[in-house]
C-alpha atoms as a PDB file:
ATOM      1  CA  UNK A   1     -33.867 -39.424  86.541  1.00  0.00           C
ATOM      2  CA  UNK A   2     -34.694 -40.409  83.360  1.00  0.00           C
ATOM      3  CA  UNK A   3     -33.626 -38.212  80.032  1.00  0.00           C
ATOM      4  CA  UNK A   4     -36.038 -37.935  77.484  1.00  0.00           C
ATOM      5  CA  UNK A   5     -34.428 -38.240  74.013  1.00  0.00           C
ATOM      6  CA  UNK A   6     -33.262 -34.583  73.107  1.00  0.00           C
ATOM      7  CA  UNK A   7     -33.479 -32.696  69.624  1.00  0.00           C
ATOM      8  CA  UNK A   8     -33.067 -29.640  68.140  1.00  0.00           C
ATOM      9  CA  UNK A   9     -35.264 -26.766  67.973  1.00  0.00           C
ATOM     10  CA  UNK A  10     -38.378 -28.656  70.161  1.00  0.00           C
ATOM     11  CA  UNK A  11     -40.412 -27.767  73.318  1.00  0.00           C
ATOM     12  CA  UNK A  12     -37.943 -27.170  75.864  1.00  0.00           C
ATOM     13  CA  UNK A  13     -39.870 -29.390  79.423  1.00  0.00           C
ATOM     14  CA  UNK A  14     -37.219 -26.580  81.486  1.00  0.00           C
ATOM     15  CA  UNK A  15     -34.159 -25.458  81.785  1.00  0.00           C
ATOM     16  CA  UNK A  16     -33.557 -27.944  85.034  1.00  0.00           C
ATOM     17  CA  UNK A  17     -33.930 -30.948  82.343  1.00  0.00           C
ATOM     18  CA  UNK A  18     -31.732 -29.305  80.373  1.00  0.00           C
ATOM     19  CA  UNK A  19     -28.421 -29.097  82.697  1.00  0.00           C
ATOM     20  CA  UNK A  20     -29.938 -32.640  83.953  1.00  0.00           C
ATOM     21  CA  UNK A  21     -29.555 -34.533  80.906  1.00  0.00           C
ATOM     22  CA  UNK A  22     -26.393 -32.224  78.457  1.00  0.00           C
ATOM     23  CA  UNK A  23     -29.233 -31.554  75.902  1.00  0.00           C
ATOM     24  CA  UNK A  24     -27.708 -29.103  73.998  1.00  0.00           C
ATOM     25  CA  UNK A  25     -30.607 -27.497  72.548  1.00  0.00           C
ATOM     26  CA  UNK A  26     -33.833 -28.526  73.181  1.00  0.00           C
ATOM     27  CA  UNK A  27     -36.115 -31.230  75.116  1.00  0.00           C
ATOM     28  CA  UNK A  28     -38.673 -32.461  74.164  1.00  0.00           C
ATOM     29  CA  UNK A  29     -42.026 -32.830  75.932  1.00  0.00           C
ATOM     30  CA  UNK A  30     -42.330 -36.680  77.100  1.00  0.00           C
ATOM     31  CA  UNK A  31     -45.722 -37.163  75.690  1.00  0.00           C
ATOM     32  CA  UNK A  32     -46.906 -38.439  79.401  1.00  0.00           C
ATOM     33  CA  UNK A  33     -46.571 -35.431  80.415  1.00  0.00           C
ATOM     34  CA  UNK A  34     -49.205 -33.395  77.939  1.00  0.00           C
ATOM     35  CA  UNK A  35     -51.156 -37.073  77.287  1.00  0.00           C
ATOM     36  CA  UNK A  36     -50.698 -36.988  73.203  1.00  0.00           C
ATOM     37  CA  UNK A  37     -50.836 -40.397  73.317  1.00  0.00           C
ATOM     38  CA  UNK A  38     -54.286 -40.054  74.406  1.00  0.00           C
ATOM     39  CA  UNK A  39     -55.084 -37.194  73.254  1.00  0.00           C
ATOM     40  CA  UNK A  40     -54.499 -37.409  69.526  1.00  0.00           C
ATOM     41  CA  UNK A  41     -55.754 -40.609  69.037  1.00  0.00           C
ATOM     42  CA  UNK A  42     -58.756 -40.260  66.563  1.00  0.00           C
ATOM     43  CA  UNK A  43     -62.791 -39.290  67.671  1.00  0.00           C
ATOM     44  CA  UNK A  44     -63.999 -42.230  69.054  1.00  0.00           C
ATOM     45  CA  UNK A  45     -66.311 -44.463  67.540  1.00  0.00           C
ATOM     46  CA  UNK A  46     -68.578 -47.033  67.908  1.00  0.00           C
ATOM     47  CA  UNK A  47     -71.873 -49.165  67.252  1.00  0.00           C
ATOM     48  CA  UNK A  48     -73.802 -49.069  70.011  1.00  0.00           C
ATOM     49  CA  UNK A  49     -77.574 -48.237  70.841  1.00  0.00           C
ATOM     50  CA  UNK A  50     -76.390 -45.462  74.232  1.00  0.00           C
ATOM     51  CA  UNK A  51     -76.478 -41.753  73.470  1.00  0.00           C
ATOM     52  CA  UNK A  52     -74.065 -41.205  76.156  1.00  0.00           C
ATOM     53  CA  UNK A  53     -72.864 -36.372  76.059  1.00  0.00           C
ATOM     54  CA  UNK A  54     -69.132 -36.765  75.906  1.00  0.00           C
ATOM     55  CA  UNK A  55     -66.372 -35.062  75.530  1.00  0.00           C
ATOM     56  CA  UNK A  56     -62.796 -35.053  72.628  1.00  0.00           C
ATOM     57  CA  UNK A  57     -59.539 -33.842  72.368  1.00  0.00           C
ATOM     58  CA  UNK A  58     -59.741 -32.485  68.245  1.00  0.00           C
ATOM     59  CA  UNK A  59     -55.958 -32.439  66.932  1.00  0.00           C
ATOM     60  CA  UNK A  60     -57.581 -30.283  63.801  1.00  0.00           C
ATOM     61  CA  UNK A  61     -58.775 -27.436  65.817  1.00  0.00           C
ATOM     62  CA  UNK A  62     -56.469 -28.249  69.056  1.00  0.00           C
ATOM     63  CA  UNK A  63     -60.095 -27.562  71.212  1.00  0.00           C
ATOM     64  CA  UNK A  64     -62.513 -30.417  73.398  1.00  0.00           C
ATOM     65  CA  UNK A  65     -65.628 -31.096  71.334  1.00  0.00           C
ATOM     66  CA  UNK A  66     -68.737 -32.689  72.801  1.00  0.00           C
ATOM     67  CA  UNK A  67     -69.631 -35.250  71.123  1.00  0.00           C
ATOM     68  CA  UNK A  68     -72.187 -38.092  71.141  1.00  0.00           C
ATOM     69  CA  UNK A  69     -70.899 -41.136  72.394  1.00  0.00           C
ATOM     70  CA  UNK A  70     -72.216 -45.021  71.862  1.00  0.00           C
ATOM     71  CA  UNK A  71     -71.756 -46.808  75.503  1.00  0.00           C
ATOM     72  CA  UNK A  72     -68.792 -48.798  74.023  1.00  0.00           C
ATOM     73  CA  UNK A  73     -65.295 -49.335  72.233  1.00  0.00           C
ATOM     74  CA  UNK A  74     -63.593 -46.608  71.200  1.00  0.00           C
ATOM     75  CA  UNK A  75     -60.281 -45.629  72.403  1.00  0.00           C
ATOM     76  CA  UNK A  76     -59.324 -43.345  75.489  1.00  0.00           C
ATOM     77  CA  UNK A  77     -59.920 -40.297  73.718  1.00  0.00           C
ATOM     78  CA  UNK A  78     -62.931 -39.573  75.316  1.00  0.00           C
ATOM     79  CA  UNK A  79     -63.938 -37.810  78.397  1.00  0.00           C
ATOM     80  CA  UNK A  80     -67.090 -37.195  80.561  1.00  0.00           C
ATOM     81  CA  UNK A  81     -66.911 -33.631  81.129  1.00  0.00           C
ATOM     82  CA  UNK A  82     -65.196 -30.376  79.209  1.00  0.00           C
ATOM     83  CA  UNK A  83     -62.753 -30.140  82.454  1.00  0.00           C
ATOM     84  CA  UNK A  84     -61.835 -33.808  82.517  1.00  0.00           C
ATOM     85  CA  UNK A  85     -60.979 -32.889  78.506  1.00  0.00           C
ATOM     86  CA  UNK A  86     -59.064 -29.774  78.833  1.00  0.00           C
ATOM     87  CA  UNK A  87     -57.242 -31.257  82.392  1.00  0.00           C
ATOM     88  CA  UNK A  88     -55.230 -34.157  80.335  1.00  0.00           C
ATOM     89  CA  UNK A  89     -55.354 -32.729  76.898  1.00  0.00           C
ATOM     90  CA  UNK A  90     -54.645 -29.005  77.036  1.00  0.00           C
ATOM     91  CA  UNK A  91     -51.069 -28.896  77.566  1.00  0.00           C
ATOM     92  CA  UNK A  92     -50.277 -30.180  74.179  1.00  0.00           C
ATOM     93  CA  UNK A  93     -48.327 -27.218  72.423  1.00  0.00           C
ATOM     94  CA  UNK A  94     -50.296 -25.126  69.927  1.00  0.00           C
ATOM     95  CA  UNK A  95     -49.152 -25.366  66.701  1.00  0.00           C
ATOM     96  CA  UNK A  96     -50.815 -23.439  63.473  1.00  0.00           C
ATOM     97  CA  UNK A  97     -53.234 -25.556  61.715  1.00  0.00           C
ATOM     98  CA  UNK A  98     -51.338 -26.720  58.804  1.00  0.00           C
ATOM     99  CA  UNK A  99     -49.258 -28.145  60.622  1.00  0.00           C
ATOM    100  CA  UNK A 100     -51.834 -29.924  62.561  1.00  0.00           C
ATOM    101  CA  UNK A 101     -52.981 -32.189  59.315  1.00  0.00           C
ATOM    102  CA  UNK A 102     -51.876 -35.913  59.136  1.00  0.00           C
ATOM    103  CA  UNK A 103     -48.858 -36.549  56.461  1.00  0.00           C
ATOM    104  CA  UNK A 104     -50.520 -37.123  52.958  1.00  0.00           C
ATOM    105  CA  UNK A 105     -48.187 -38.545  50.317  1.00  0.00           C
ATOM    106  CA  UNK A 106     -51.215 -37.711  47.300  1.00  0.00           C
ATOM    107  CA  UNK A 107     -51.996 -39.550  44.850  1.00  0.00           C
ATOM    108  CA  UNK A 108     -49.757 -39.633  41.954  1.00  0.00           C
ATOM    109  CA  UNK A 109     -45.831 -41.471  42.218  1.00  0.00           C
ATOM    110  CA  UNK A 110     -43.076 -38.868  42.141  1.00  0.00           C
ATOM    111  CA  UNK A 111     -40.742 -39.559  45.243  1.00  0.00           C
ATOM    112  CA  UNK A 112     -40.231 -35.811  46.066  1.00  0.00           C
ATOM    113  CA  UNK A 113     -38.574 -35.427  49.069  1.00  0.00           C
ATOM    114  CA  UNK A 114     -40.291 -33.100  51.754  1.00  0.00           C
ATOM    115  CA  UNK A 115     -40.924 -33.102  55.344  1.00  0.00           C
ATOM    116  CA  UNK A 116     -44.231 -32.484  57.473  1.00  0.00           C
ATOM    117  CA  UNK A 117     -44.859 -31.689  61.421  1.00  0.00           C
ATOM    118  CA  UNK A 118     -46.256 -34.622  63.437  1.00  0.00           C
ATOM    119  CA  UNK A 119     -47.415 -33.643  66.480  1.00  0.00           C
ATOM    120  CA  UNK A 120     -47.374 -36.634  67.862  1.00  0.00           C
ATOM    121  CA  UNK A 121     -43.689 -36.689  68.118  1.00  0.00           C
ATOM    122  CA  UNK A 122     -43.344 -33.040  67.604  1.00  0.00           C
ATOM    123  CA  UNK A 123     -41.256 -33.573  65.663  1.00  0.00           C
ATOM    124  CA  UNK A 124     -40.541 -32.382  61.193  1.00  0.00           C
ATOM    125  CA  UNK A 125     -40.115 -35.455  59.686  1.00  0.00           C
ATOM    126  CA  UNK A 126     -39.185 -36.491  56.412  1.00  0.00           C
ATOM    127  CA  UNK A 127     -41.412 -38.107  53.617  1.00  0.00           C
ATOM    128  CA  UNK A 128     -41.884 -38.429  49.909  1.00  0.00           C
ATOM    129  CA  UNK A 129     -44.654 -37.121  48.319  1.00  0.00           C
ATOM    130  CA  UNK A 130     -46.041 -38.102  45.326  1.00  0.00           C
ATOM    131  CA  UNK A 131     -46.279 -34.629  43.063  1.00  0.00           C
ATOM    132  CA  UNK A 132     -50.089 -34.124  43.199  1.00  0.00           C
ATOM    133  CA  UNK A 133     -52.872 -33.756  46.095  1.00  0.00           C
ATOM    134  CA  UNK A 134     -51.828 -34.095  49.418  1.00  0.00           C
ATOM    135  CA  UNK A 135     -51.731 -31.140  52.215  1.00  0.00           C
ATOM    136  CA  UNK A 136     -50.411 -28.468  53.434  1.00  0.00           C
ATOM    137  CA  UNK A 137     -48.246 -29.613  56.073  1.00  0.00           C
ATOM    138  CA  UNK A 138     -45.718 -30.212  53.519  1.00  0.00           C
ATOM    139  CA  UNK A 139     -42.522 -28.192  53.516  1.00  0.00           C
ATOM    140  CA  UNK A 140     -39.599 -28.604  50.890  1.00  0.00           C
ATOM    141  CA  UNK A 141     -36.553 -27.771  53.855  1.00  0.00           C
ATOM    142  CA  UNK A 142     -36.471 -29.069  57.974  1.00  0.00           C
ATOM    143  CA  UNK A 143     -35.422 -25.671  58.075  1.00  0.00           C
ATOM    144  CA  UNK A 144     -39.123 -24.303  56.676  1.00  0.00           C
ATOM    145  CA  UNK A 145     -40.958 -26.651  58.896  1.00  0.00           C
ATOM    146  CA  UNK A 146     -39.473 -26.127  62.405  1.00  0.00           C
ATOM    147  CA  UNK A 147     -39.532 -22.346  61.881  1.00  0.00           C
ATOM    148  CA  UNK A 148     -43.219 -22.191  60.791  1.00  0.00           C
ATOM    149  CA  UNK A 149     -44.261 -25.231  62.943  1.00  0.00           C
ATOM    150  CA  UNK A 150     -42.661 -24.300  66.264  1.00  0.00           C
ATOM    151  CA  UNK A 151     -41.466 -20.814  65.692  1.00  0.00           C
ATOM    152  CA  UNK A 152     -39.118 -19.612  68.533  1.00  0.00           C
ATOM    153  CA  UNK A 153     -39.238 -15.325  67.505  1.00  0.00           C
ATOM    154  CA  UNK A 154     -40.642 -12.246  68.309  1.00  0.00           C
ATOM    155  CA  UNK A 155     -41.620  -9.240  65.762  1.00  0.00           C
ATOM    156  CA  UNK A 156     -43.710  -8.868  62.870  1.00  0.00           C
ATOM    157  CA  UNK A 157     -44.798 -12.293  61.761  1.00  0.00           C
ATOM    158  CA  UNK A 158     -44.856 -11.539  57.877  1.00  0.00           C
ATOM    159  CA  UNK A 159     -41.847 -10.668  58.808  1.00  0.00           C
ATOM    160  CA  UNK A 160     -41.060 -14.691  58.976  1.00  0.00           C
ATOM    161  CA  UNK A 161     -43.178 -15.461  55.455  1.00  0.00           C
ATOM    162  CA  UNK A 162     -40.942 -17.059  52.982  1.00  0.00           C
ATOM    163  CA  UNK A 163     -39.945 -14.986  49.238  1.00  0.00           C
ATOM    164  CA  UNK A 164     -42.768 -14.939  47.558  1.00  0.00           C
ATOM    165  CA  UNK A 165     -42.086 -13.095  43.955  1.00  0.00           C
ATOM    166  CA  UNK A 166     -46.190 -13.457  42.760  1.00  0.00           C
ATOM    167  CA  UNK A 167     -47.273 -14.695  39.687  1.00  0.00           C
ATOM    168  CA  UNK A 168     -47.800 -12.483  37.321  1.00  0.00           C
ATOM    169  CA  UNK A 169     -44.897 -11.607  34.449  1.00  0.00           C
ATOM    170  CA  UNK A 170     -43.074  -8.039  35.583  1.00  0.00           C
ATOM    171  CA  UNK A 171     -40.155  -7.503  36.958  1.00  0.00           C
ATOM    172  CA  UNK A 172     -40.397  -5.286  39.742  1.00  0.00           C
ATOM    173  CA  UNK A 173     -37.056  -5.180  42.487  1.00  0.00           C
ATOM    174  CA  UNK A 174     -38.483  -5.262  45.781  1.00  0.00           C
ATOM    175  CA  UNK A 175     -36.632  -6.196  49.226  1.00  0.00           C
ATOM    176  CA  UNK A 176     -37.340  -9.485  51.798  1.00  0.00           C
ATOM    177  CA  UNK A 177     -35.994 -10.099  54.973  1.00  0.00           C
ATOM    178  CA  UNK A 178     -34.795 -13.507  55.014  1.00  0.00           C
ATOM    179  CA  UNK A 179     -35.302 -14.308  59.258  1.00  0.00           C
ATOM    180  CA  UNK A 180     -32.466 -17.002  58.999  1.00  0.00           C
ATOM    181  CA  UNK A 181     -29.794 -14.979  58.090  1.00  0.00           C
ATOM    182  CA  UNK A 182     -31.834 -11.658  59.697  1.00  0.00           C
ATOM    183  CA  UNK A 183     -31.028  -9.739  56.660  1.00  0.00           C
ATOM    184  CA  UNK A 184     -33.329  -7.629  53.660  1.00  0.00           C
ATOM    185  CA  UNK A 185     -31.817  -8.837  50.214  1.00  0.00           C
ATOM    186  CA  UNK A 186     -33.696  -7.881  46.946  1.00  0.00           C
ATOM    187  CA  UNK A 187     -35.672  -9.873  44.299  1.00  0.00           C
ATOM    188  CA  UNK A 188     -37.963  -9.834  41.863  1.00  0.00           C
ATOM    189  CA  UNK A 189     -41.499  -9.134  42.394  1.00  0.00           C
ATOM    190  CA  UNK A 190     -43.764 -10.015  39.884  1.00  0.00           C
ATOM    191  CA  UNK A 191     -46.509  -7.392  40.611  1.00  0.00           C
ATOM    192  CA  UNK A 192     -49.219  -9.451  41.690  1.00  0.00           C
ATOM    193  CA  UNK A 193     -49.956 -12.034  44.290  1.00  0.00           C
ATOM    194  CA  UNK A 194     -47.054 -12.441  47.067  1.00  0.00           C
ATOM    195  CA  UNK A 195     -47.360 -11.909  50.362  1.00  0.00           C
ATOM    196  CA  UNK A 196     -46.314  -8.894  53.200  1.00  0.00           C
ATOM    197  CA  UNK A 197     -42.393  -9.847  53.083  1.00  0.00           C
ATOM    198  CA  UNK A 198     -42.218  -7.065  50.142  1.00  0.00           C
ATOM    199  CA  UNK A 199     -41.169  -3.843  50.285  1.00  0.00           C
ATOM    200  CA  UNK A 200     -40.386  -0.956  47.962  1.00  0.00           C
ATOM    201  CA  UNK A 201     -36.721  -0.630  49.256  1.00  0.00           C
ATOM    202  CA  UNK A 202     -34.291  -2.158  51.867  1.00  0.00           C
ATOM    203  CA  UNK A 203     -34.848   0.608  54.566  1.00  0.00           C
ATOM    204  CA  UNK A 204     -38.373  -0.406  54.722  1.00  0.00           C
ATOM    205  CA  UNK A 205     -37.510  -3.223  54.921  1.00  0.00           C
ATOM    206  CA  UNK A 206     -35.121  -2.845  57.826  1.00  0.00           C
ATOM    207  CA  UNK A 207     -37.691  -0.731  59.595  1.00  0.00           C
ATOM    208  CA  UNK A 208     -40.732  -3.064  59.518  1.00  0.00           C
ATOM    209  CA  UNK A 209     -38.209  -5.810  60.509  1.00  0.00           C
ATOM    210  CA  UNK A 210     -35.499  -4.635  62.873  1.00  0.00           C
ATOM    211  CA  UNK A 211     -37.361  -6.408  66.081  1.00  0.00           C
ATOM    212  CA  UNK A 212     -37.841  -9.556  64.727  1.00  0.00           C
ATOM    213  CA  UNK A 213     -35.168 -11.940  66.098  1.00  0.00           C
ATOM    214  CA  UNK A 214     -34.449 -15.305  66.993  1.00  0.00           C
ATOM    215  CA  UNK A 215     -33.236 -17.150  70.467  1.00  0.00           C
ATOM    216  CA  UNK A 216     -30.949 -20.002  71.369  1.00  0.00           C
ATOM    217  CA  UNK A 217     -29.222 -21.645  73.617  1.00  0.00           C
ATOM    218  CA  UNK A 218     -25.586 -21.616  73.512  1.00  0.00           C
ATOM    219  CA  UNK A 219     -23.410 -23.882  76.348  1.00  0.00           C
ATOM    220  CA  UNK A 220     -20.141 -23.817  76.782  1.00  0.00           C
ATOM    221  CA  UNK A 221     -17.556 -26.621  76.170  1.00  0.00           C
ATOM    222  CA  UNK A 222     -18.148 -29.425  78.980  1.00  0.00           C
ATOM    223  CA  UNK A 223     -21.093 -27.109  80.883  1.00  0.00           C
ATOM    224  CA  UNK A 224     -23.738 -29.816  80.018  1.00  0.00           C
ATOM    225  CA  UNK A 225     -22.300 -33.242  81.175  1.00  0.00           C
ATOM    226  CA  UNK A 226     -25.000 -35.377  82.818  1.00  0.00           C
ATOM    227  CA  UNK A 227     -25.061 -35.013  86.495  1.00  0.00           C
ATOM    228  CA  UNK A 228     -24.626 -31.134  86.161  1.00  0.00           C
ATOM    229  CA  UNK A 229     -26.583 -28.610  88.886  1.00  0.00           C
ATOM    230  CA  UNK A 230     -28.308 -25.932  88.704  1.00  0.00           C
ATOM    231  CA  UNK A 231     -24.957 -24.216  89.908  1.00  0.00           C
ATOM    232  CA  UNK A 232     -23.363 -24.447  86.356  1.00  0.00           C
ATOM    233  CA  UNK A 233     -26.182 -21.525  85.375  1.00  0.00           C
ATOM    234  CA  UNK A 234     -23.845 -18.850  85.470  1.00  0.00           C
ATOM    235  CA  UNK A 235     -21.601 -21.179  82.398  1.00  0.00           C
ATOM    236  CA  UNK A 236     -25.119 -21.119  79.911  1.00  0.00           C
ATOM    237  CA  UNK A 237     -25.291 -18.139  77.877  1.00  0.00           C
ATOM    238  CA  UNK A 238     -28.750 -16.835  76.059  1.00  0.00           C
ATOM    239  CA  UNK A 239     -27.650 -15.730  72.827  1.00  0.00           C
ATOM    240  CA  UNK A 240     -30.082 -13.159  71.378  1.00  0.00           C
ATOM    241  CA  UNK A 241     -29.505 -12.511  67.529  1.00  0.00           C
ATOM    242  CA  UNK A 242     -30.744  -9.284  66.612  1.00  0.00           C
ATOM    243  CA  UNK A 243     -31.627  -7.252  63.511  1.00  0.00           C
ATOM    244  CA  UNK A 244     -29.688  -3.999  63.676  1.00  0.00           C
END
């Protein structure tokens, strides 16, 4: 069996592959399984004169869209029917809209380290932001990129929003839920703007986000050597971190 490369917190192909390949946390879905190498190509363009109704997979909406094909050139992201497009590209994991955008360094010349989500590799990758313009597929850290684009969580979505003080000048004590440590923390709210991860007191925060959980696979030492079989499943502990 050929094992795909392993990467933390990415798409789990199957528990069987975890056991066989010795991956400590997760396995990337190889592109030949969900056909990302074909489906994420840009919309086909050509200069020929035919008017053939075809379908392509739109990475920005993650849907199959109809287009008119000229009849020559183009690329493989070109399907005769909607069903053919869905069958080929429908297995690509859906991610939030901002995570589908291609990386953009902007037009300025700073060298600010940031992370973007690469839909082709299903990884959060480092790049250098110029400091102005660009797009929303830009995160301060790899953790925030993964948390937004490949979340493994439950509970209200606003509990995973980052702390946001707003943009006015007041200083009002409030609480927000910090998902990475499953704790409500105090911060100073400026009085306007911000997001819904904003509570009057700690009790309100705890009540609203008590169901927020993160999941991870934890493996006992020496239980994940390549070649082990599903009989080792008793050695796997599925660990749930819950906020109480």
